[in-house]
Amino acid sequence: MDALRTRFITRARTEIAALREAHRQHDEPAMRKIAHSLAGNAGLFGWPDLSARARELEDALVQPASQDEVESRLEAVMAEMPR
């Protein structure tokens, strides 16, 4: 399981970078897809706070949310990134 968690952390870092790039390009469909994937995988591999923050970001992107709210939730996802 440790090897899988290590792979998850590497993949999560890549997804966070892709999430930032999608945000920079105002690509909300890509952001939703990445947030959804991150939410599911983070929960599966033992990162419940990251999972919850990613789910909140996904929800903000599905519902009409202000740009400030989306950015706040994106920052919350990044703050939970495993080190």
C-alpha atoms as a PDB file:
ATOM      1  CA  MET A   1       0.000   0.000   0.000  1.00  0.00           C
ATOM      2  CA  ASP A   2       2.928   2.348   0.679  1.00  0.00           C
ATOM      3  CA  ALA A   3       4.037   2.114  -2.938  1.00  0.00           C
ATOM      4  CA  LEU A   4       0.536   3.021  -4.109  1.00  0.00           C
ATOM      5  CA  ARG A   5       0.397   5.986  -1.735  1.00  0.00           C
ATOM      6  CA  THR A   6       3.746   7.181  -3.051  1.00  0.00           C
ATOM      7  CA  ARG A   7       2.462   6.921  -6.618  1.00  0.00           C
ATOM      8  CA  PHE A   8      -0.687   8.774  -5.592  1.00  0.00           C
ATOM      9  CA  ILE A   9       1.365  11.643  -4.143  1.00  0.00           C
ATOM     10  CA  THR A  10       3.358  11.936  -7.367  1.00  0.00           C
ATOM     11  CA  ARG A  11       0.176  11.853  -9.428  1.00  0.00           C
ATOM     12  CA  ALA A  12      -1.563  14.338  -7.121  1.00  0.00           C
ATOM     13  CA  ARG A  13       1.278  16.821  -7.592  1.00  0.00           C
ATOM     14  CA  THR A  14       0.870  16.484 -11.352  1.00  0.00           C
ATOM     15  CA  GLU A  15      -2.899  16.947 -11.047  1.00  0.00           C
ATOM     16  CA  ILE A  16      -2.446  20.043  -8.866  1.00  0.00           C
ATOM     17  CA  ALA A  17      -0.137  21.544 -11.494  1.00  0.00           C
ATOM     18  CA  ALA A  18      -2.700  20.716 -14.197  1.00  0.00           C
ATOM     19  CA  LEU A  19      -5.425  22.238 -12.038  1.00  0.00           C
ATOM     20  CA  ARG A  20      -3.451  25.484 -11.707  1.00  0.00           C
ATOM     21  CA  GLU A  21      -2.865  25.569 -15.464  1.00  0.00           C
ATOM     22  CA  ALA A  22      -6.532  24.923 -16.220  1.00  0.00           C
ATOM     23  CA  HIS A  23      -7.448  27.741 -13.826  1.00  0.00           C
ATOM     24  CA  ARG A  24      -4.959  30.064 -15.507  1.00  0.00           C
ATOM     25  CA  GLN A  25      -6.558  29.248 -18.858  1.00  0.00           C
ATOM     26  CA  HIS A  26     -10.108  29.600 -17.450  1.00  0.00           C
ATOM     27  CA  ASP A  27     -10.823  25.982 -18.452  1.00  0.00           C
ATOM     28  CA  GLU A  28     -13.569  25.102 -15.977  1.00  0.00           C
ATOM     29  CA  PRO A  29     -14.459  21.735 -17.582  1.00  0.00           C
ATOM     30  CA  ALA A  30     -10.842  20.597 -17.145  1.00  0.00           C
ATOM     31  CA  MET A  31     -10.813  21.919 -13.583  1.00  0.00           C
ATOM     32  CA  ARG A  32     -13.992  19.973 -12.769  1.00  0.00           C
ATOM     33  CA  LYS A  33     -12.553  16.778 -14.206  1.00  0.00           C
ATOM     34  CA  ILE A  34      -9.280  17.110 -12.291  1.00  0.00           C
ATOM     35  CA  ALA A  35     -11.026  18.067  -9.033  1.00  0.00           C
ATOM     36  CA  HIS A  36     -13.350  15.075  -9.375  1.00  0.00           C
ATOM     37  CA  SER A  37     -10.452  12.686  -9.940  1.00  0.00           C
ATOM     38  CA  LEU A  38      -8.424  14.168  -7.113  1.00  0.00           C
ATOM     39  CA  ALA A  39     -11.361  13.993  -4.711  1.00  0.00           C
ATOM     40  CA  GLY A  40     -11.923  10.298  -5.337  1.00  0.00           C
ATOM     41  CA  ASN A  41      -8.293   9.238  -5.344  1.00  0.00           C
ATOM     42  CA  ALA A  42      -7.306  11.295  -2.311  1.00  0.00           C
ATOM     43  CA  GLY A  43     -10.047   9.684  -0.242  1.00  0.00           C
ATOM     44  CA  LEU A  44      -9.066   6.230  -1.432  1.00  0.00           C
ATOM     45  CA  PHE A  45      -5.415   6.711  -0.487  1.00  0.00           C
ATOM     46  CA  GLY A  46      -5.968   8.210   2.953  1.00  0.00           C
ATOM     47  CA  TRP A  47      -6.048  11.953   2.390  1.00  0.00           C
ATOM     48  CA  PRO A  48      -9.619  12.809   3.508  1.00  0.00           C
ATOM     49  CA  ASP A  49      -8.984  16.545   3.877  1.00  0.00           C
ATOM     50  CA  LEU A  50      -7.582  16.821   0.357  1.00  0.00           C
ATOM     51  CA  SER A  51     -10.534  14.791  -0.885  1.00  0.00           C
ATOM     52  CA  ALA A  52     -13.002  17.103   0.855  1.00  0.00           C
ATOM     53  CA  ARG A  53     -11.343  20.275  -0.458  1.00  0.00           C
ATOM     54  CA  ALA A  54     -11.257  18.881  -4.008  1.00  0.00           C
ATOM     55  CA  ARG A  55     -14.940  17.934  -3.757  1.00  0.00           C
ATOM     56  CA  GLU A  56     -15.745  21.473  -2.557  1.00  0.00           C
ATOM     57  CA  LEU A  57     -13.875  22.897  -5.550  1.00  0.00           C
ATOM     58  CA  GLU A  58     -15.748  20.573  -7.877  1.00  0.00           C
ATOM     59  CA  ASP A  59     -19.053  21.675  -6.327  1.00  0.00           C
ATOM     60  CA  ALA A  60     -18.131  25.339  -6.783  1.00  0.00           C
ATOM     61  CA  LEU A  61     -17.395  24.690 -10.445  1.00  0.00           C
ATOM     62  CA  VAL A  62     -20.666  22.821 -10.999  1.00  0.00           C
ATOM     63  CA  GLN A  63     -22.788  25.434  -9.263  1.00  0.00           C
ATOM     64  CA  PRO A  64     -22.559  29.028 -10.298  1.00  0.00           C
ATOM     65  CA  ALA A  65     -19.944  30.342  -7.867  1.00  0.00           C
ATOM     66  CA  SER A  66     -18.058  33.604  -7.806  1.00  0.00           C
ATOM     67  CA  GLN A  67     -14.519  33.682  -9.124  1.00  0.00           C
ATOM     68  CA  ASP A  68     -13.354  34.572  -5.611  1.00  0.00           C
ATOM     69  CA  GLU A  69     -15.030  31.457  -4.211  1.00  0.00           C
ATOM     70  CA  VAL A  70     -13.484  29.231  -6.889  1.00  0.00           C
ATOM     71  CA  GLU A  71     -10.049  30.719  -6.217  1.00  0.00           C
ATOM     72  CA  SER A  72     -10.495  30.288  -2.465  1.00  0.00           C
ATOM     73  CA  ARG A  73     -11.420  26.642  -2.901  1.00  0.00           C
ATOM     74  CA  LEU A  74      -8.533  26.101  -5.298  1.00  0.00           C
ATOM     75  CA  GLU A  75      -6.140  27.522  -2.700  1.00  0.00           C
ATOM     76  CA  ALA A  76      -7.666  25.187  -0.092  1.00  0.00           C
ATOM     77  CA  VAL A  77      -6.961  22.200  -2.359  1.00  0.00           C
ATOM     78  CA  MET A  78      -3.370  23.298  -2.831  1.00  0.00           C
ATOM     79  CA  ALA A  79      -2.921  23.785   0.918  1.00  0.00           C
ATOM     80  CA  GLU A  80      -3.879  20.123   1.526  1.00  0.00           C
ATOM     81  CA  MET A  81      -1.393  18.760  -0.994  1.00  0.00           C
ATOM     82  CA  PRO A  82       0.654  15.963   0.589  1.00  0.00           C
ATOM     83  CA  ARG A  83       4.267  16.885   1.171  1.00  0.00           C
END
